[in-house]
């Protein structure tokens, strides 16, 4: 039907309805992926806004449609486009508690420290909802943990007011920060080493070879009844060291601390 109407000369950018929105906006609100795709191919302007100042990217984000967001982000829509109140798509995704959308915006280069008219950042909005994956992902991508709103509220203050303190503390802990937002201290000056991506990439590349070498040496130089338990204990010990290093290192390595077995460390690229 849409194809027929367009072929018959219907205006693809006509606005109407209570929201004074275009056909593409109405389709996006109802998560009609293929209709949106058709309308864009037929010349729909993705930068137009409705009566509330939302463009099609905002509307798709509010509904949490990650597949539609991928399509729209390929239409040269600025990833940090704002609505009338200064809210970006990332802010809406964080406020709604959509981890997949938050991750998508961050991978697309969205500004983690953008502020709206009230001075709230995406991290502030994520703490309103209290979605742990959203808060954690924002911290991993460098969100300012101490940024204050125009009312002087830091993320910790918002978490306290919204009863999401446990989420805030857990996200900080899993991202390598103390509860006050400062990086965790490491003994013997290891902080600069562990948080260096170049050093950590070499560490995780060489660590499996060390594990294999140690395991082989133990099996070759000890009696069979003692070598097997000794090898297992040593391998699991080395796995534990790798997981602890990952938990203190850059965000992309922290997935190792949640691995189920040492086999995953051995195949780490």
Protein backbone atom coordinates (compact mmCIF):
# COMPACT_ATOMS: atom_id res chain seq x y z
CA UNK A 1 0.00 0.00 0.00
CA UNK A 2 2.79 2.45 0.88
CA UNK A 3 4.56 1.63 -2.39
CA UNK A 4 1.36 2.19 -4.33
CA UNK A 5 0.70 5.55 -2.68
CA UNK A 6 4.26 6.71 -3.27
CA UNK A 7 4.11 5.66 -6.90
CA UNK A 8 0.85 7.61 -7.15
CA UNK A 9 2.59 10.81 -6.09
CA UNK A 10 2.04 10.92 -2.32
CA UNK A 11 4.31 13.40 -0.50
CA UNK A 12 6.84 11.29 1.40
CA UNK A 13 7.59 14.19 3.78
CA UNK A 14 4.03 15.32 4.45
CA UNK A 15 3.30 15.99 8.12
CA UNK A 16 0.11 15.24 10.00
CA UNK A 17 -1.55 13.74 13.05
CA UNK A 18 -1.33 14.83 16.66
CA UNK A 19 2.48 14.77 16.55
CA UNK A 20 2.62 16.61 13.22
CA UNK A 21 5.00 13.89 12.05
CA UNK A 22 6.05 12.52 8.68
CA UNK A 23 5.14 9.02 7.47
CA UNK A 24 8.66 7.83 8.31
CA UNK A 25 8.27 9.10 11.88
CA UNK A 26 4.94 7.34 12.31
CA UNK A 27 6.44 4.13 10.95
CA UNK A 28 9.44 4.47 13.27
CA UNK A 29 7.18 4.91 16.31
CA UNK A 30 5.55 1.59 15.47
CA UNK A 31 8.85 -0.15 14.71
CA UNK A 32 7.95 -0.83 11.07
CA UNK A 33 11.50 -1.39 9.85
CA UNK A 34 10.71 -2.19 6.22
CA UNK A 35 8.30 0.70 5.85
CA UNK A 36 10.91 3.13 7.19
CA UNK A 37 13.45 1.64 4.80
CA UNK A 38 11.07 2.07 1.86
CA UNK A 39 10.26 5.66 2.78
CA UNK A 40 13.93 6.57 3.13
CA UNK A 41 14.67 5.03 -0.27
CA UNK A 42 11.87 7.17 -1.71
CA UNK A 43 13.35 10.40 -0.37
CA UNK A 44 12.07 10.76 3.19
CA UNK A 45 14.09 13.40 5.04
CA UNK A 46 15.47 11.80 8.25
CA UNK A 47 16.35 15.22 9.73
CA UNK A 48 12.78 16.55 9.92
CA UNK A 49 11.27 16.88 13.39
CA UNK A 50 7.79 16.58 14.81
CA UNK A 51 5.92 19.08 16.98
CA UNK A 52 7.98 18.02 20.03
CA UNK A 53 11.30 18.44 18.26
CA UNK A 54 12.00 14.71 17.88
CA UNK A 55 13.55 13.44 14.69
CA UNK A 56 13.20 9.89 13.46
CA UNK A 57 16.34 8.80 15.34
CA UNK A 58 14.90 9.95 18.67
CA UNK A 59 11.60 8.19 18.00
CA UNK A 60 13.30 4.89 17.15
CA UNK A 61 15.46 5.17 20.27
CA UNK A 62 12.50 5.82 22.56
CA UNK A 63 10.99 2.55 21.34
CA UNK A 64 14.29 0.69 21.80
CA UNK A 65 14.50 -0.60 18.21
CA UNK A 66 18.21 -1.32 17.77
CA UNK A 67 17.80 -2.73 14.25
CA UNK A 68 16.05 0.44 13.12
CA UNK A 69 18.77 2.54 14.75
CA UNK A 70 21.41 0.79 12.65
CA UNK A 71 19.45 1.67 9.53
CA UNK A 72 18.98 5.29 10.57
CA UNK A 73 22.58 5.85 11.61
CA UNK A 74 23.57 4.97 8.06
CA UNK A 75 21.42 7.87 6.80
CA UNK A 76 23.96 10.53 7.83
CA UNK A 77 21.87 11.62 10.82
CA UNK A 78 24.22 13.23 13.36
CA UNK A 79 24.61 10.71 16.16
CA UNK A 80 24.38 13.50 18.74
CA UNK A 81 21.36 15.25 17.23
CA UNK A 82 19.35 16.90 20.00
CA UNK A 83 15.65 17.42 20.60
CA UNK A 84 14.16 20.67 21.89
CA UNK A 85 15.37 19.99 25.44
CA UNK A 86 18.89 19.11 24.33
CA UNK A 87 18.48 15.34 24.72
CA UNK A 88 20.58 13.17 22.42
CA UNK A 89 19.72 9.68 21.30
CA UNK A 90 22.24 8.30 23.78
CA UNK A 91 20.48 10.13 26.61
CA UNK A 92 17.14 8.66 25.59
CA UNK A 93 18.59 5.16 25.34
CA UNK A 94 20.21 5.52 28.77
CA UNK A 95 17.03 6.93 30.33
CA UNK A 96 14.89 4.17 28.86
CA UNK A 97 17.36 1.50 29.97
CA UNK A 98 18.09 -0.03 26.56
CA UNK A 99 21.63 -1.52 26.79
CA UNK A 100 21.73 -2.57 23.14
CA UNK A 101 20.89 0.96 22.00
CA UNK A 102 23.38 2.51 24.43
CA UNK A 103 26.09 0.19 23.15
CA UNK A 104 25.19 0.99 19.55
CA UNK A 105 25.36 4.75 20.09
CA UNK A 106 28.67 4.48 21.91
CA UNK A 107 30.20 2.33 19.18
CA UNK A 108 28.98 4.93 16.68
CA UNK A 109 30.91 7.64 18.51
CA UNK A 110 28.19 9.35 20.52
CA UNK A 111 29.39 11.92 23.04
CA UNK A 112 29.27 10.32 26.49
CA UNK A 113 29.52 13.73 28.16
CA UNK A 114 26.93 15.67 26.18
CA UNK A 115 24.66 17.78 28.40
CA UNK A 116 21.02 18.78 28.01
CA UNK A 117 19.38 22.02 29.10
CA UNK A 118 19.52 20.95 32.75
CA UNK A 119 23.15 19.89 32.54
CA UNK A 120 22.36 16.17 32.77
CA UNK A 121 24.67 13.79 30.94
CA UNK A 122 23.81 10.31 29.60
CA UNK A 123 25.27 8.89 32.82
CA UNK A 124 22.85 10.94 34.93
CA UNK A 125 19.95 9.69 32.82
CA UNK A 126 21.12 6.08 33.04
CA UNK A 127 21.11 6.32 36.83
CA UNK A 128 17.52 7.56 36.77
CA UNK A 129 16.46 4.25 35.26
CA UNK A 130 19.10 2.22 37.08
CA UNK A 131 20.04 -0.17 34.28
CA UNK A 132 23.38 -1.72 35.28
CA UNK A 133 24.51 -2.57 31.72
CA UNK A 134 23.79 1.01 30.58
CA UNK A 135 25.62 2.61 33.50
CA UNK A 136 28.55 0.25 33.17
CA UNK A 137 28.88 0.75 29.42
CA UNK A 138 28.87 4.54 29.79
CA UNK A 139 31.60 4.40 32.43
CA UNK A 140 33.66 2.08 30.24
CA UNK A 141 33.44 4.58 27.38
CA UNK A 142 34.73 7.42 29.50
CA UNK A 143 31.65 9.11 30.92
CA UNK A 144 32.59 11.79 33.46
CA UNK A 145 31.92 10.24 36.88
CA UNK A 146 31.96 13.64 38.57
CA UNK A 147 30.04 15.78 36.08
CA UNK A 148 27.51 18.05 37.78
CA UNK A 149 24.17 19.33 36.56
CA UNK A 150 23.16 22.97 36.71
CA UNK A 151 21.79 22.19 40.17
CA UNK A 152 25.17 20.82 41.24
CA UNK A 153 24.14 17.15 41.23
CA UNK A 154 26.85 14.63 40.46
CA UNK A 155 25.98 11.12 39.22
CA UNK A 156 26.36 9.82 42.79
CA UNK A 157 23.74 12.34 43.96
CA UNK A 158 21.30 11.28 41.24
CA UNK A 159 21.86 7.63 42.16
CA UNK A 160 21.05 8.43 45.79
CA UNK A 161 17.87 10.29 44.86
CA UNK A 162 16.70 7.58 42.45
CA UNK A 163 17.57 4.67 44.79
CA UNK A 164 20.03 3.27 42.28
CA UNK A 165 23.10 3.50 44.51
CA UNK A 166 23.69 -0.27 44.40
CA UNK A 167 23.77 -0.15 40.60
CA UNK A 168 26.14 2.83 40.69
CA UNK A 169 28.53 1.14 43.11
CA UNK A 170 28.49 -2.16 41.25
CA UNK A 171 29.17 -0.47 37.90
CA UNK A 172 32.07 1.48 39.42
CA UNK A 173 33.50 -1.65 41.01
CA UNK A 174 33.30 -3.72 37.82
CA UNK A 175 34.91 -0.92 35.84
CA UNK A 176 37.89 -0.65 38.19
CA UNK A 177 36.87 2.31 40.35
CA UNK A 178 36.33 2.87 44.04
CA UNK A 179 32.89 3.81 45.29
CA UNK A 180 33.96 7.48 45.33
CA UNK A 181 34.65 7.29 41.58
CA UNK A 182 38.43 7.31 41.76
CA UNK A 183 40.50 4.54 40.14
CA UNK A 184 41.35 1.63 42.39
CA UNK A 185 44.87 1.75 43.73
CA UNK A 186 47.20 -1.07 42.70
CA UNK A 187 50.30 -2.23 44.61
CA UNK A 188 53.90 -1.69 43.49
CA UNK A 189 52.98 0.93 40.90
CA UNK A 190 51.19 -1.55 38.65
CA UNK A 191 48.40 0.86 37.73
CA UNK A 192 50.26 2.42 34.80
CA UNK A 193 51.11 -1.05 33.49
CA UNK A 194 47.74 -2.73 33.92
CA UNK A 195 45.77 0.15 32.40
CA UNK A 196 48.08 0.45 29.38
CA UNK A 197 46.32 -1.16 26.39
CA UNK A 198 49.56 -1.91 24.55
CA UNK A 199 51.08 -3.70 27.52
CA UNK A 200 47.87 -5.58 28.29
CA UNK A 201 47.49 -6.77 24.69
CA UNK A 202 51.01 -8.23 24.78
CA UNK A 203 50.32 -9.74 28.19
CA UNK A 204 47.21 -11.59 27.04
CA UNK A 205 48.89 -12.69 23.83
CA UNK A 206 51.86 -14.25 25.66
CA UNK A 207 50.04 -15.51 28.77
CA UNK A 208 48.48 -18.63 27.12
CA UNK A 209 51.93 -19.70 25.87
CA UNK A 210 53.24 -19.41 29.41
CA UNK A 211 50.36 -21.52 30.68
CA UNK A 212 51.00 -24.23 28.10
CA UNK A 213 54.75 -24.19 28.82
CA UNK A 214 54.26 -24.47 32.59
CA UNK A 215 51.67 -27.23 32.23
CA UNK A 216 53.94 -29.20 29.87
CA UNK A 217 56.96 -28.76 32.13
CA UNK A 218 55.06 -30.04 35.18
CA UNK A 219 53.72 -33.08 33.33
CA UNK A 220 57.20 -33.87 31.98
CA UNK A 221 59.17 -33.54 35.21
CA UNK A 222 56.93 -34.98 37.89
CA UNK A 223 55.43 -38.36 38.65
CA UNK A 224 52.08 -38.86 36.96
CA UNK A 225 50.11 -39.11 40.22
CA UNK A 226 51.50 -35.75 41.37
CA UNK A 227 51.87 -33.93 38.04
CA UNK A 228 48.20 -33.93 37.08
CA UNK A 229 46.85 -32.25 40.25
CA UNK A 230 49.87 -29.92 40.34
CA UNK A 231 49.30 -28.95 36.72
CA UNK A 232 45.59 -28.29 37.30
CA UNK A 233 46.26 -26.15 40.36
CA UNK A 234 48.93 -24.17 38.54
CA UNK A 235 46.81 -23.61 35.42
CA UNK A 236 43.84 -22.43 37.46
CA UNK A 237 46.17 -20.19 39.44
CA UNK A 238 47.49 -18.62 36.26
CA UNK A 239 43.92 -18.25 35.04
CA UNK A 240 43.06 -16.42 38.26
CA UNK A 241 46.00 -14.05 37.75
CA UNK A 242 44.82 -13.30 34.21
CA UNK A 243 41.29 -12.62 35.40
CA UNK A 244 42.49 -10.28 38.13
CA UNK A 245 44.66 -8.43 35.63
CA UNK A 246 41.69 -8.16 33.27
CA UNK A 247 39.45 -6.79 36.01
CA UNK A 248 41.90 -3.95 36.62
CA UNK A 249 42.74 -3.27 32.99
CA UNK A 250 41.02 -1.51 30.07
CA UNK A 251 37.34 -2.22 29.58
CA UNK A 252 37.75 -4.47 26.55
CA UNK A 253 39.73 -6.96 28.64
CA UNK A 254 37.34 -7.15 31.57
CA UNK A 255 35.22 -9.78 29.86
CA UNK A 256 37.91 -12.26 30.88
CA UNK A 257 36.99 -11.99 34.53
CA UNK A 258 33.58 -13.46 33.67
CA UNK A 259 34.87 -16.41 31.63
CA UNK A 260 33.76 -19.83 32.71
CA UNK A 261 36.95 -21.76 32.07
CA UNK A 262 40.60 -21.22 31.32
CA UNK A 263 40.03 -22.39 27.76
CA UNK A 264 38.81 -18.95 26.81
CA UNK A 265 42.06 -17.36 27.91
CA UNK A 266 43.97 -19.84 25.79
CA UNK A 267 42.15 -18.76 22.64
CA UNK A 268 42.29 -15.04 23.38
CA UNK A 269 43.57 -13.36 20.18
